[in-house]
Amino acid sequence: MDRKRQPSGDEARERAMRAAIGAIAEKGTGAVRMSDIAARAGMSTGHILYHFGRKDRLLLEVLAWSEADLGARFQQAADEAASPAEKLALFVRCYLPRHPGDERYALWTQVLAQHHDEDGRRILTALSDAWEERLEAIVVEGRALGEFADVELPEFVIRAVAMLNGLSGDVMFGRTRWERASAHAFALAALERELRPAG
């Protein structure tokens, strides 16, 4: 590590967050230490602590950064999708974990298990709200085009997100039922049934 050239400002924060994601993928959120992140980032542990203060704050900021990146990629793909139905499939694919131990979802689980001050709760609420707003926008568009049923939107979103969260837990710890079936296909079919216009 070159101690003469420690990164600063935004460069340091981004490097630390990328290193944290790599360390979490290797060791898991519970076992990862600030020194592991510092080594991956090519920074001193003191430098990491200077920018983030505590491990729980670093994990919260990494989650926010990861979600912003995923949200931007989702939006780019959604803008290119041909229909609300395609956007719904994309939403489910982005929301659910990709595999047992998915690093992004594992980070969510670890961060949610921590005690948070008012600022931390505000950040987590905003991240959750962003996914609900994406789903709402897809349904509103589909209803306007006559492709989706006129569901009660707030209640539909609550049900949809609750189902997806439950399925995410199944996928994360490797329920055998998803070894030969797709949780994504199951969730998408359930949402499509509820959104199918009458007749």
N, C-alpha and C. Protein backbone atom coordinates (compact mmCIF):
# COMPACT_ATOMS: atom_id res chain seq x y z
N MET A 1 0.85 -1.19 0.00
CA MET A 1 0.00 0.00 0.00
C MET A 1 0.88 1.24 0.00
N ASP A 2 0.61 2.17 -0.87
CA ASP A 2 1.36 3.41 -0.96
C ASP A 2 0.81 4.42 0.03
N ARG A 3 1.51 4.58 1.18
CA ARG A 3 1.02 5.48 2.21
C ARG A 3 1.24 6.95 1.85
N LYS A 4 2.01 7.20 0.79
CA LYS A 4 2.22 8.58 0.37
C LYS A 4 1.04 9.09 -0.44
N ARG A 5 0.24 8.17 -0.94
CA ARG A 5 -0.87 8.58 -1.81
C ARG A 5 -2.16 7.91 -1.35
N GLN A 6 -2.67 8.36 -0.23
CA GLN A 6 -3.97 7.89 0.22
C GLN A 6 -5.05 8.66 -0.55
N PRO A 7 -6.03 7.98 -1.09
CA PRO A 7 -7.09 8.69 -1.83
C PRO A 7 -7.87 9.58 -0.89
N SER A 8 -8.50 10.58 -1.45
CA SER A 8 -9.24 11.53 -0.61
C SER A 8 -10.63 11.76 -1.18
N GLY A 9 -11.50 12.31 -0.33
CA GLY A 9 -12.82 12.74 -0.77
C GLY A 9 -13.63 11.63 -1.40
N ASP A 10 -14.29 11.97 -2.54
CA ASP A 10 -15.18 11.03 -3.21
C ASP A 10 -14.43 9.79 -3.70
N GLU A 11 -13.19 9.98 -4.12
CA GLU A 11 -12.39 8.83 -4.58
C GLU A 11 -12.21 7.83 -3.46
N ALA A 12 -11.90 8.31 -2.27
CA ALA A 12 -11.70 7.42 -1.13
C ALA A 12 -12.97 6.71 -0.76
N ARG A 13 -14.08 7.42 -0.76
CA ARG A 13 -15.35 6.81 -0.37
C ARG A 13 -15.77 5.74 -1.37
N GLU A 14 -15.63 6.03 -2.67
CA GLU A 14 -16.01 5.04 -3.66
C GLU A 14 -15.10 3.82 -3.60
N ARG A 15 -13.80 4.06 -3.42
CA ARG A 15 -12.87 2.93 -3.32
C ARG A 15 -13.20 2.06 -2.11
N ALA A 16 -13.50 2.71 -0.99
CA ALA A 16 -13.85 1.97 0.22
C ALA A 16 -15.13 1.17 0.03
N MET A 17 -16.12 1.74 -0.63
CA MET A 17 -17.38 1.04 -0.81
C MET A 17 -17.24 -0.15 -1.76
N ARG A 18 -16.46 0.04 -2.84
CA ARG A 18 -16.22 -1.10 -3.74
C ARG A 18 -15.46 -2.20 -3.01
N ALA A 19 -14.50 -1.80 -2.19
CA ALA A 19 -13.74 -2.79 -1.42
C ALA A 19 -14.63 -3.50 -0.42
N ALA A 20 -15.56 -2.77 0.17
CA ALA A 20 -16.47 -3.39 1.15
C ALA A 20 -17.33 -4.45 0.49
N ILE A 21 -17.84 -4.17 -0.71
CA ILE A 21 -18.66 -5.15 -1.41
C ILE A 21 -17.85 -6.41 -1.70
N GLY A 22 -16.59 -6.24 -2.12
CA GLY A 22 -15.73 -7.40 -2.38
C GLY A 22 -15.45 -8.19 -1.11
N ALA A 23 -15.18 -7.49 -0.02
CA ALA A 23 -14.89 -8.16 1.24
C ALA A 23 -16.12 -8.89 1.78
N ILE A 24 -17.28 -8.27 1.62
CA ILE A 24 -18.53 -8.90 2.06
C ILE A 24 -18.78 -10.17 1.24
N ALA A 25 -18.54 -10.10 -0.06
CA ALA A 25 -18.74 -11.26 -0.92
C ALA A 25 -17.84 -12.42 -0.49
N GLU A 26 -16.63 -12.11 -0.05
CA GLU A 26 -15.67 -13.14 0.34
C GLU A 26 -15.93 -13.69 1.74
N LYS A 27 -16.19 -12.79 2.71
CA LYS A 27 -16.25 -13.19 4.11
C LYS A 27 -17.65 -13.18 4.72
N GLY A 28 -18.59 -12.48 4.06
CA GLY A 28 -19.90 -12.30 4.66
C GLY A 28 -19.92 -11.04 5.51
N THR A 29 -21.11 -10.46 5.64
CA THR A 29 -21.20 -9.18 6.35
C THR A 29 -20.85 -9.29 7.81
N GLY A 30 -21.18 -10.42 8.43
CA GLY A 30 -20.91 -10.55 9.86
C GLY A 30 -19.44 -10.67 10.18
N ALA A 31 -18.68 -11.36 9.32
CA ALA A 31 -17.27 -11.63 9.60
C ALA A 31 -16.33 -10.54 9.08
N VAL A 32 -16.78 -9.74 8.15
CA VAL A 32 -15.88 -8.75 7.55
C VAL A 32 -15.46 -7.71 8.57
N ARG A 33 -14.18 -7.33 8.54
CA ARG A 33 -13.63 -6.34 9.46
C ARG A 33 -13.22 -5.10 8.68
N MET A 34 -13.12 -3.99 9.39
CA MET A 34 -12.68 -2.75 8.74
C MET A 34 -11.29 -2.93 8.14
N SER A 35 -10.44 -3.72 8.78
CA SER A 35 -9.09 -3.95 8.25
C SER A 35 -9.14 -4.73 6.93
N ASP A 36 -10.13 -5.64 6.78
CA ASP A 36 -10.29 -6.36 5.51
C ASP A 36 -10.63 -5.38 4.39
N ILE A 37 -11.54 -4.46 4.70
CA ILE A 37 -11.95 -3.47 3.70
C ILE A 37 -10.79 -2.55 3.36
N ALA A 38 -10.05 -2.13 4.38
CA ALA A 38 -8.92 -1.23 4.16
C ALA A 38 -7.87 -1.90 3.27
N ALA A 39 -7.59 -3.18 3.52
CA ALA A 39 -6.58 -3.88 2.72
C ALA A 39 -7.00 -3.97 1.27
N ARG A 40 -8.29 -4.26 1.03
CA ARG A 40 -8.79 -4.35 -0.35
C ARG A 40 -8.75 -2.99 -1.04
N ALA A 41 -9.01 -1.93 -0.27
CA ALA A 41 -9.06 -0.59 -0.85
C ALA A 41 -7.68 0.03 -1.03
N GLY A 42 -6.64 -0.61 -0.47
CA GLY A 42 -5.31 -0.02 -0.52
C GLY A 42 -5.22 1.22 0.35
N MET A 43 -5.95 1.20 1.45
CA MET A 43 -6.00 2.33 2.37
C MET A 43 -5.71 1.83 3.78
N SER A 44 -5.39 2.74 4.66
CA SER A 44 -5.19 2.35 6.05
C SER A 44 -6.54 2.20 6.74
N THR A 45 -6.58 1.39 7.80
CA THR A 45 -7.80 1.25 8.58
C THR A 45 -8.22 2.60 9.16
N GLY A 46 -7.24 3.39 9.57
CA GLY A 46 -7.53 4.72 10.09
C GLY A 46 -8.20 5.60 9.06
N HIS A 47 -7.79 5.47 7.81
CA HIS A 47 -8.38 6.27 6.73
C HIS A 47 -9.84 5.86 6.51
N ILE A 48 -10.10 4.54 6.57
CA ILE A 48 -11.48 4.06 6.45
C ILE A 48 -12.33 4.61 7.59
N LEU A 49 -11.79 4.54 8.80
CA LEU A 49 -12.52 5.03 9.97
C LEU A 49 -12.75 6.54 9.87
N TYR A 50 -11.81 7.25 9.31
CA TYR A 50 -11.96 8.71 9.16
C TYR A 50 -13.16 9.04 8.29
N HIS A 51 -13.34 8.29 7.22
CA HIS A 51 -14.42 8.59 6.28
C HIS A 51 -15.78 8.07 6.74
N PHE A 52 -15.78 6.95 7.48
CA PHE A 52 -17.06 6.31 7.80
C PHE A 52 -17.34 6.17 9.29
N GLY A 53 -16.32 6.26 10.11
CA GLY A 53 -16.52 6.23 11.55
C GLY A 53 -16.67 4.84 12.13
N ARG A 54 -17.72 4.13 11.73
CA ARG A 54 -18.00 2.82 12.30
C ARG A 54 -18.37 1.85 11.18
N LYS A 55 -18.24 0.57 11.49
CA LYS A 55 -18.57 -0.45 10.51
C LYS A 55 -20.04 -0.37 10.12
N ASP A 56 -20.93 -0.16 11.09
CA ASP A 56 -22.36 -0.12 10.75
C ASP A 56 -22.68 1.05 9.84
N ARG A 57 -22.01 2.19 10.02
CA ARG A 57 -22.23 3.33 9.14
C ARG A 57 -21.68 3.05 7.75
N LEU A 58 -20.53 2.40 7.67
CA LEU A 58 -19.97 2.05 6.37
C LEU A 58 -20.92 1.11 5.63
N LEU A 59 -21.45 0.09 6.31
CA LEU A 59 -22.35 -0.85 5.65
C LEU A 59 -23.61 -0.16 5.16
N LEU A 60 -24.12 0.79 5.95
CA LEU A 60 -25.31 1.53 5.53
C LEU A 60 -25.02 2.35 4.28
N GLU A 61 -23.87 3.00 4.25
CA GLU A 61 -23.53 3.82 3.07
C GLU A 61 -23.24 2.94 1.86
N VAL A 62 -22.63 1.78 2.08
CA VAL A 62 -22.39 0.85 0.97
C VAL A 62 -23.73 0.38 0.40
N LEU A 63 -24.68 0.08 1.28
CA LEU A 63 -26.00 -0.34 0.81
C LEU A 63 -26.65 0.76 -0.02
N ALA A 64 -26.61 2.00 0.46
CA ALA A 64 -27.20 3.11 -0.28
C ALA A 64 -26.53 3.28 -1.64
N TRP A 65 -25.22 3.16 -1.66
CA TRP A 65 -24.46 3.28 -2.91
C TRP A 65 -24.81 2.15 -3.87
N SER A 66 -24.89 0.92 -3.34
CA SER A 66 -25.23 -0.24 -4.16
C SER A 66 -26.64 -0.10 -4.73
N GLU A 67 -27.57 0.36 -3.90
CA GLU A 67 -28.96 0.51 -4.36
C GLU A 67 -29.08 1.61 -5.41
N ALA A 68 -28.31 2.68 -5.27
CA ALA A 68 -28.34 3.74 -6.27
C ALA A 68 -27.83 3.22 -7.61
N ASP A 69 -26.80 2.40 -7.57
CA ASP A 69 -26.25 1.81 -8.80
C ASP A 69 -27.27 0.87 -9.44
N LEU A 70 -27.88 0.00 -8.62
CA LEU A 70 -28.88 -0.92 -9.15
C LEU A 70 -30.10 -0.18 -9.67
N GLY A 71 -30.53 0.84 -8.94
CA GLY A 71 -31.67 1.63 -9.38
C GLY A 71 -31.43 2.30 -10.72
N ALA A 72 -30.21 2.81 -10.92
CA ALA A 72 -29.88 3.44 -12.20
C ALA A 72 -29.88 2.43 -13.33
N ARG A 73 -29.35 1.23 -13.07
CA ARG A 73 -29.35 0.19 -14.10
C ARG A 73 -30.76 -0.30 -14.39
N PHE A 74 -31.57 -0.41 -13.34
CA PHE A 74 -32.98 -0.79 -13.56
C PHE A 74 -33.67 0.24 -14.43
N GLN A 75 -33.49 1.53 -14.12
CA GLN A 75 -34.18 2.57 -14.86
C GLN A 75 -33.76 2.62 -16.32
N GLN A 76 -32.48 2.41 -16.57
CA GLN A 76 -32.00 2.40 -17.95
C GLN A 76 -32.65 1.26 -18.73
N ALA A 77 -32.71 0.08 -18.11
CA ALA A 77 -33.34 -1.06 -18.78
C ALA A 77 -34.84 -0.85 -18.92
N ALA A 78 -35.47 -0.28 -17.90
CA ALA A 78 -36.92 -0.03 -17.96
C ALA A 78 -37.25 0.96 -19.07
N ASP A 79 -36.40 1.96 -19.27
CA ASP A 79 -36.63 2.95 -20.33
C ASP A 79 -36.57 2.32 -21.71
N GLU A 80 -35.86 1.20 -21.81
CA GLU A 80 -35.72 0.52 -23.10
C GLU A 80 -36.75 -0.60 -23.28
N ALA A 81 -37.49 -0.92 -22.21
CA ALA A 81 -38.46 -2.02 -22.27
C ALA A 81 -39.63 -1.63 -23.16
N ALA A 82 -40.21 -2.63 -23.82
CA ALA A 82 -41.25 -2.37 -24.80
C ALA A 82 -42.63 -2.23 -24.18
N SER A 83 -42.83 -2.70 -22.97
CA SER A 83 -44.17 -2.69 -22.38
C SER A 83 -44.09 -2.71 -20.87
N PRO A 84 -45.19 -2.35 -20.19
CA PRO A 84 -45.23 -2.47 -18.73
C PRO A 84 -45.00 -3.91 -18.27
N ALA A 85 -45.46 -4.88 -19.04
CA ALA A 85 -45.24 -6.29 -18.67
C ALA A 85 -43.74 -6.60 -18.63
N GLU A 86 -42.99 -6.09 -19.59
CA GLU A 86 -41.54 -6.29 -19.58
C GLU A 86 -40.90 -5.58 -18.39
N LYS A 87 -41.41 -4.41 -18.07
CA LYS A 87 -40.88 -3.67 -16.92
C LYS A 87 -41.17 -4.41 -15.62
N LEU A 88 -42.34 -5.04 -15.53
CA LEU A 88 -42.68 -5.81 -14.34
C LEU A 88 -41.73 -6.99 -14.17
N ALA A 89 -41.44 -7.69 -15.26
CA ALA A 89 -40.50 -8.81 -15.20
C ALA A 89 -39.11 -8.33 -14.79
N LEU A 90 -38.71 -7.19 -15.31
CA LEU A 90 -37.42 -6.61 -14.94
C LEU A 90 -37.39 -6.24 -13.47
N PHE A 91 -38.48 -5.66 -12.97
CA PHE A 91 -38.56 -5.28 -11.56
C PHE A 91 -38.36 -6.50 -10.67
N VAL A 92 -39.07 -7.59 -10.97
CA VAL A 92 -38.96 -8.80 -10.15
C VAL A 92 -37.54 -9.35 -10.20
N ARG A 93 -36.94 -9.34 -11.38
CA ARG A 93 -35.58 -9.86 -11.53
C ARG A 93 -34.58 -9.03 -10.73
N CYS A 94 -34.75 -7.72 -10.71
CA CYS A 94 -33.83 -6.86 -9.96
C CYS A 94 -34.08 -6.94 -8.46
N TYR A 95 -35.32 -7.15 -8.07
CA TYR A 95 -35.67 -7.14 -6.65
C TYR A 95 -35.19 -8.40 -5.94
N LEU A 96 -35.40 -9.56 -6.56
CA LEU A 96 -35.07 -10.82 -5.90
C LEU A 96 -33.56 -11.08 -5.90
N PRO A 97 -33.06 -11.79 -4.88
CA PRO A 97 -31.65 -12.20 -4.90
C PRO A 97 -31.37 -13.07 -6.12
N ARG A 98 -30.16 -12.98 -6.61
CA ARG A 98 -29.81 -13.77 -7.79
C ARG A 98 -29.51 -15.23 -7.43
N HIS A 99 -29.08 -15.47 -6.20
CA HIS A 99 -28.66 -16.81 -5.79
C HIS A 99 -28.55 -16.82 -4.26
N PRO A 100 -28.47 -18.01 -3.63
CA PRO A 100 -28.26 -18.04 -2.18
C PRO A 100 -26.98 -17.29 -1.81
N GLY A 101 -27.06 -16.44 -0.80
CA GLY A 101 -25.89 -15.67 -0.39
C GLY A 101 -25.63 -14.43 -1.23
N ASP A 102 -26.57 -14.04 -2.09
CA ASP A 102 -26.42 -12.84 -2.92
C ASP A 102 -25.90 -11.68 -2.07
N GLU A 103 -24.77 -11.08 -2.49
CA GLU A 103 -24.08 -10.09 -1.68
C GLU A 103 -24.94 -8.86 -1.39
N ARG A 104 -25.68 -8.39 -2.39
CA ARG A 104 -26.49 -7.20 -2.18
C ARG A 104 -27.59 -7.47 -1.17
N TYR A 105 -28.25 -8.63 -1.31
CA TYR A 105 -29.33 -8.92 -0.37
C TYR A 105 -28.78 -9.25 1.02
N ALA A 106 -27.62 -9.89 1.07
CA ALA A 106 -26.98 -10.17 2.36
C ALA A 106 -26.66 -8.86 3.08
N LEU A 107 -26.25 -7.87 2.32
CA LEU A 107 -25.95 -6.57 2.90
C LEU A 107 -27.22 -5.94 3.47
N TRP A 108 -28.33 -6.04 2.72
CA TRP A 108 -29.62 -5.56 3.24
C TRP A 108 -29.93 -6.21 4.58
N THR A 109 -29.79 -7.54 4.64
CA THR A 109 -30.12 -8.28 5.86
C THR A 109 -29.27 -7.83 7.03
N GLN A 110 -27.97 -7.67 6.78
CA GLN A 110 -27.06 -7.25 7.85
C GLN A 110 -27.39 -5.84 8.34
N VAL A 111 -27.64 -4.95 7.41
CA VAL A 111 -27.93 -3.56 7.79
C VAL A 111 -29.26 -3.46 8.54
N LEU A 112 -30.26 -4.18 8.08
CA LEU A 112 -31.56 -4.14 8.74
C LEU A 112 -31.50 -4.69 10.16
N ALA A 113 -30.55 -5.61 10.42
CA ALA A 113 -30.44 -6.21 11.75
C ALA A 113 -29.79 -5.28 12.77
N GLN A 114 -29.19 -4.20 12.31
CA GLN A 114 -28.51 -3.28 13.21
C GLN A 114 -29.51 -2.29 13.83
N HIS A 115 -29.09 -1.70 14.94
CA HIS A 115 -29.87 -0.61 15.54
C HIS A 115 -29.49 0.68 14.81
N HIS A 116 -30.49 1.46 14.41
CA HIS A 116 -30.23 2.67 13.63
C HIS A 116 -30.77 3.91 14.34
N ASP A 117 -30.03 5.00 14.19
CA ASP A 117 -30.53 6.27 14.67
C ASP A 117 -31.54 6.82 13.66
N GLU A 118 -32.05 8.00 13.93
CA GLU A 118 -33.09 8.56 13.05
C GLU A 118 -32.59 8.74 11.63
N ASP A 119 -31.34 9.14 11.47
CA ASP A 119 -30.78 9.33 10.14
C ASP A 119 -30.68 8.01 9.40
N GLY A 120 -30.25 6.96 10.09
CA GLY A 120 -30.16 5.64 9.47
C GLY A 120 -31.52 5.12 9.05
N ARG A 121 -32.52 5.30 9.91
CA ARG A 121 -33.88 4.86 9.56
C ARG A 121 -34.41 5.63 8.37
N ARG A 122 -34.07 6.91 8.28
CA ARG A 122 -34.51 7.72 7.15
C ARG A 122 -33.91 7.19 5.85
N ILE A 123 -32.64 6.83 5.87
CA ILE A 123 -31.97 6.31 4.68
C ILE A 123 -32.60 4.99 4.25
N LEU A 124 -32.82 4.09 5.21
CA LEU A 124 -33.40 2.78 4.89
C LEU A 124 -34.83 2.93 4.37
N THR A 125 -35.59 3.83 4.96
CA THR A 125 -36.96 4.06 4.48
C THR A 125 -36.95 4.58 3.05
N ALA A 126 -36.04 5.48 2.75
CA ALA A 126 -35.95 6.02 1.39
C ALA A 126 -35.57 4.94 0.39
N LEU A 127 -34.68 4.04 0.77
CA LEU A 127 -34.28 2.96 -0.14
C LEU A 127 -35.46 2.02 -0.41
N SER A 128 -36.21 1.69 0.63
CA SER A 128 -37.38 0.82 0.46
C SER A 128 -38.46 1.52 -0.35
N ASP A 129 -38.69 2.79 -0.04
CA ASP A 129 -39.71 3.55 -0.77
C ASP A 129 -39.39 3.63 -2.26
N ALA A 130 -38.12 3.71 -2.59
CA ALA A 130 -37.73 3.84 -4.00
C ALA A 130 -38.19 2.62 -4.80
N TRP A 131 -38.07 1.42 -4.22
CA TRP A 131 -38.53 0.22 -4.93
C TRP A 131 -40.05 0.20 -5.05
N GLU A 132 -40.73 0.63 -4.00
CA GLU A 132 -42.19 0.67 -4.08
C GLU A 132 -42.65 1.68 -5.13
N GLU A 133 -41.97 2.79 -5.22
CA GLU A 133 -42.32 3.81 -6.22
C GLU A 133 -42.08 3.30 -7.63
N ARG A 134 -41.03 2.51 -7.83
CA ARG A 134 -40.78 1.93 -9.15
C ARG A 134 -41.92 0.99 -9.54
N LEU A 135 -42.34 0.17 -8.60
CA LEU A 135 -43.44 -0.75 -8.89
C LEU A 135 -44.74 0.01 -9.15
N GLU A 136 -45.02 1.02 -8.35
CA GLU A 136 -46.21 1.84 -8.56
C GLU A 136 -46.23 2.44 -9.96
N ALA A 137 -45.08 2.97 -10.40
CA ALA A 137 -45.02 3.60 -11.72
C ALA A 137 -45.31 2.60 -12.83
N ILE A 138 -44.82 1.36 -12.68
CA ILE A 138 -45.07 0.33 -13.69
C ILE A 138 -46.57 0.01 -13.75
N VAL A 139 -47.19 -0.14 -12.58
CA VAL A 139 -48.61 -0.48 -12.55
C VAL A 139 -49.46 0.67 -13.09
N VAL A 140 -49.13 1.89 -12.73
CA VAL A 140 -49.87 3.05 -13.24
C VAL A 140 -49.80 3.10 -14.75
N GLU A 141 -48.63 2.88 -15.31
CA GLU A 141 -48.48 2.89 -16.76
C GLU A 141 -49.30 1.77 -17.40
N GLY A 142 -49.22 0.57 -16.80
CA GLY A 142 -49.96 -0.56 -17.35
C GLY A 142 -51.47 -0.35 -17.29
N ARG A 143 -51.95 0.26 -16.20
CA ARG A 143 -53.39 0.55 -16.11
C ARG A 143 -53.80 1.56 -17.16
N ALA A 144 -52.99 2.59 -17.36
CA ALA A 144 -53.32 3.63 -18.33
C ALA A 144 -53.40 3.07 -19.74
N LEU A 145 -52.60 2.05 -20.03
CA LEU A 145 -52.61 1.43 -21.36
C LEU A 145 -53.62 0.31 -21.49
N GLY A 146 -54.33 0.02 -20.40
CA GLY A 146 -55.31 -1.05 -20.41
C GLY A 146 -54.71 -2.44 -20.32
N GLU A 147 -53.41 -2.54 -20.00
CA GLU A 147 -52.74 -3.84 -19.92
C GLU A 147 -52.89 -4.47 -18.54
N PHE A 148 -53.10 -3.66 -17.51
CA PHE A 148 -53.22 -4.15 -16.15
C PHE A 148 -54.60 -3.81 -15.60
N ALA A 149 -55.05 -4.64 -14.65
CA ALA A 149 -56.33 -4.39 -13.99
C ALA A 149 -56.23 -3.14 -13.11
N ASP A 150 -57.38 -2.60 -12.79
CA ASP A 150 -57.44 -1.39 -11.96
C ASP A 150 -57.38 -1.80 -10.48
N VAL A 151 -56.22 -2.29 -10.05
CA VAL A 151 -56.04 -2.74 -8.67
C VAL A 151 -55.96 -1.54 -7.73
N GLU A 152 -56.24 -1.79 -6.45
CA GLU A 152 -56.05 -0.78 -5.41
C GLU A 152 -54.55 -0.66 -5.19
N LEU A 153 -53.94 0.40 -5.68
CA LEU A 153 -52.49 0.47 -5.83
C LEU A 153 -51.71 0.32 -4.52
N PRO A 154 -52.01 1.10 -3.46
CA PRO A 154 -51.20 0.96 -2.24
C PRO A 154 -51.24 -0.45 -1.68
N GLU A 155 -52.42 -1.07 -1.67
CA GLU A 155 -52.54 -2.42 -1.13
C GLU A 155 -51.82 -3.44 -2.01
N PHE A 156 -51.91 -3.27 -3.33
CA PHE A 156 -51.21 -4.17 -4.25
C PHE A 156 -49.71 -4.12 -4.00
N VAL A 157 -49.17 -2.91 -3.85
CA VAL A 157 -47.72 -2.76 -3.65
C VAL A 157 -47.29 -3.42 -2.35
N ILE A 158 -48.07 -3.23 -1.29
CA ILE A 158 -47.73 -3.86 0.00
C ILE A 158 -47.71 -5.38 -0.16
N ARG A 159 -48.73 -5.94 -0.81
CA ARG A 159 -48.77 -7.39 -1.00
C ARG A 159 -47.61 -7.88 -1.85
N ALA A 160 -47.34 -7.16 -2.93
CA ALA A 160 -46.28 -7.56 -3.84
C ALA A 160 -44.92 -7.56 -3.15
N VAL A 161 -44.63 -6.49 -2.44
CA VAL A 161 -43.33 -6.39 -1.78
C VAL A 161 -43.21 -7.42 -0.66
N ALA A 162 -44.30 -7.66 0.08
CA ALA A 162 -44.26 -8.68 1.13
C ALA A 162 -43.97 -10.05 0.53
N MET A 163 -44.59 -10.38 -0.60
CA MET A 163 -44.33 -11.66 -1.24
C MET A 163 -42.88 -11.75 -1.70
N LEU A 164 -42.39 -10.69 -2.34
CA LEU A 164 -41.02 -10.70 -2.84
C LEU A 164 -40.02 -10.82 -1.70
N ASN A 165 -40.29 -10.15 -0.58
CA ASN A 165 -39.38 -10.26 0.56
C ASN A 165 -39.36 -11.68 1.12
N GLY A 166 -40.55 -12.31 1.18
CA GLY A 166 -40.60 -13.69 1.65
C GLY A 166 -39.85 -14.63 0.73
N LEU A 167 -40.05 -14.48 -0.57
CA LEU A 167 -39.33 -15.30 -1.53
C LEU A 167 -37.83 -15.05 -1.45
N SER A 168 -37.44 -13.80 -1.21
CA SER A 168 -36.02 -13.47 -1.11
C SER A 168 -35.37 -14.24 0.03
N GLY A 169 -36.07 -14.34 1.16
CA GLY A 169 -35.53 -15.11 2.28
C GLY A 169 -35.35 -16.58 1.90
N ASP A 170 -36.33 -17.13 1.20
CA ASP A 170 -36.23 -18.52 0.73
C ASP A 170 -34.99 -18.72 -0.15
N VAL A 171 -34.82 -17.81 -1.11
CA VAL A 171 -33.70 -17.93 -2.04
C VAL A 171 -32.38 -17.80 -1.29
N MET A 172 -32.31 -16.87 -0.34
CA MET A 172 -31.06 -16.59 0.35
C MET A 172 -30.55 -17.78 1.14
N PHE A 173 -31.44 -18.51 1.82
CA PHE A 173 -30.90 -19.64 2.58
C PHE A 173 -31.07 -20.97 1.85
N GLY A 174 -31.43 -20.89 0.58
CA GLY A 174 -31.36 -22.06 -0.28
C GLY A 174 -32.44 -23.09 -0.07
N ARG A 175 -33.71 -22.64 0.06
CA ARG A 175 -34.82 -23.60 0.17
C ARG A 175 -34.80 -24.54 -1.04
N THR A 176 -34.93 -25.83 -0.78
CA THR A 176 -34.80 -26.81 -1.85
C THR A 176 -35.88 -26.67 -2.91
N ARG A 177 -37.02 -26.06 -2.55
CA ARG A 177 -38.10 -25.92 -3.54
C ARG A 177 -37.66 -25.09 -4.74
N TRP A 178 -36.62 -24.25 -4.57
CA TRP A 178 -36.19 -23.41 -5.69
C TRP A 178 -34.99 -24.00 -6.42
N GLU A 179 -34.64 -25.26 -6.11
CA GLU A 179 -33.57 -25.91 -6.86
C GLU A 179 -34.03 -26.31 -8.25
N ARG A 180 -35.33 -26.65 -8.36
CA ARG A 180 -35.86 -27.08 -9.67
C ARG A 180 -36.92 -26.13 -10.21
N ALA A 181 -37.17 -25.05 -9.48
CA ALA A 181 -38.15 -24.05 -9.93
C ALA A 181 -37.54 -22.67 -9.78
N SER A 182 -38.10 -21.73 -10.50
CA SER A 182 -37.59 -20.36 -10.50
C SER A 182 -38.44 -19.47 -9.59
N ALA A 183 -37.81 -18.90 -8.55
CA ALA A 183 -38.54 -17.96 -7.69
C ALA A 183 -38.98 -16.75 -8.49
N HIS A 184 -38.17 -16.34 -9.45
CA HIS A 184 -38.52 -15.20 -10.30
C HIS A 184 -39.79 -15.50 -11.09
N ALA A 185 -39.85 -16.69 -11.72
CA ALA A 185 -41.03 -17.05 -12.51
C ALA A 185 -42.27 -17.18 -11.62
N PHE A 186 -42.09 -17.74 -10.43
CA PHE A 186 -43.21 -17.89 -9.50
C PHE A 186 -43.77 -16.53 -9.11
N ALA A 187 -42.88 -15.60 -8.73
CA ALA A 187 -43.32 -14.27 -8.30
C ALA A 187 -43.98 -13.51 -9.45
N LEU A 188 -43.36 -13.58 -10.61
CA LEU A 188 -43.91 -12.85 -11.76
C LEU A 188 -45.29 -13.39 -12.13
N ALA A 189 -45.46 -14.70 -12.11
CA ALA A 189 -46.77 -15.27 -12.43
C ALA A 189 -47.83 -14.83 -11.42
N ALA A 190 -47.47 -14.76 -10.14
CA ALA A 190 -48.43 -14.34 -9.12
C ALA A 190 -48.84 -12.88 -9.34
N LEU A 191 -47.89 -12.01 -9.65
CA LEU A 191 -48.22 -10.61 -9.89
C LEU A 191 -49.04 -10.45 -11.17
N GLU A 192 -48.68 -11.20 -12.19
CA GLU A 192 -49.42 -11.10 -13.45
C GLU A 192 -50.87 -11.56 -13.28
N ARG A 193 -51.09 -12.59 -12.47
CA ARG A 193 -52.48 -13.04 -12.22
C ARG A 193 -53.30 -11.93 -11.60
N GLU A 194 -52.70 -11.24 -10.63
CA GLU A 194 -53.45 -10.18 -9.95
C GLU A 194 -53.67 -8.96 -10.85
N LEU A 195 -52.76 -8.75 -11.77
CA LEU A 195 -52.85 -7.57 -12.63
C LEU A 195 -53.59 -7.84 -13.95
N ARG A 196 -53.98 -9.10 -14.19
CA ARG A 196 -54.64 -9.43 -15.45
C ARG A 196 -56.01 -8.77 -15.52
N PRO A 197 -56.29 -8.02 -16.56
CA PRO A 197 -57.60 -7.37 -16.67
C PRO A 197 -58.73 -8.41 -16.74
N ALA A 198 -59.86 -8.08 -16.18
CA ALA A 198 -61.01 -8.99 -16.22
C ALA A 198 -61.45 -9.21 -17.68
N GLY A 199 -61.74 -10.47 -17.99
CA GLY A 199 -62.23 -10.79 -19.34
C GLY A 199 -61.14 -10.78 -20.37
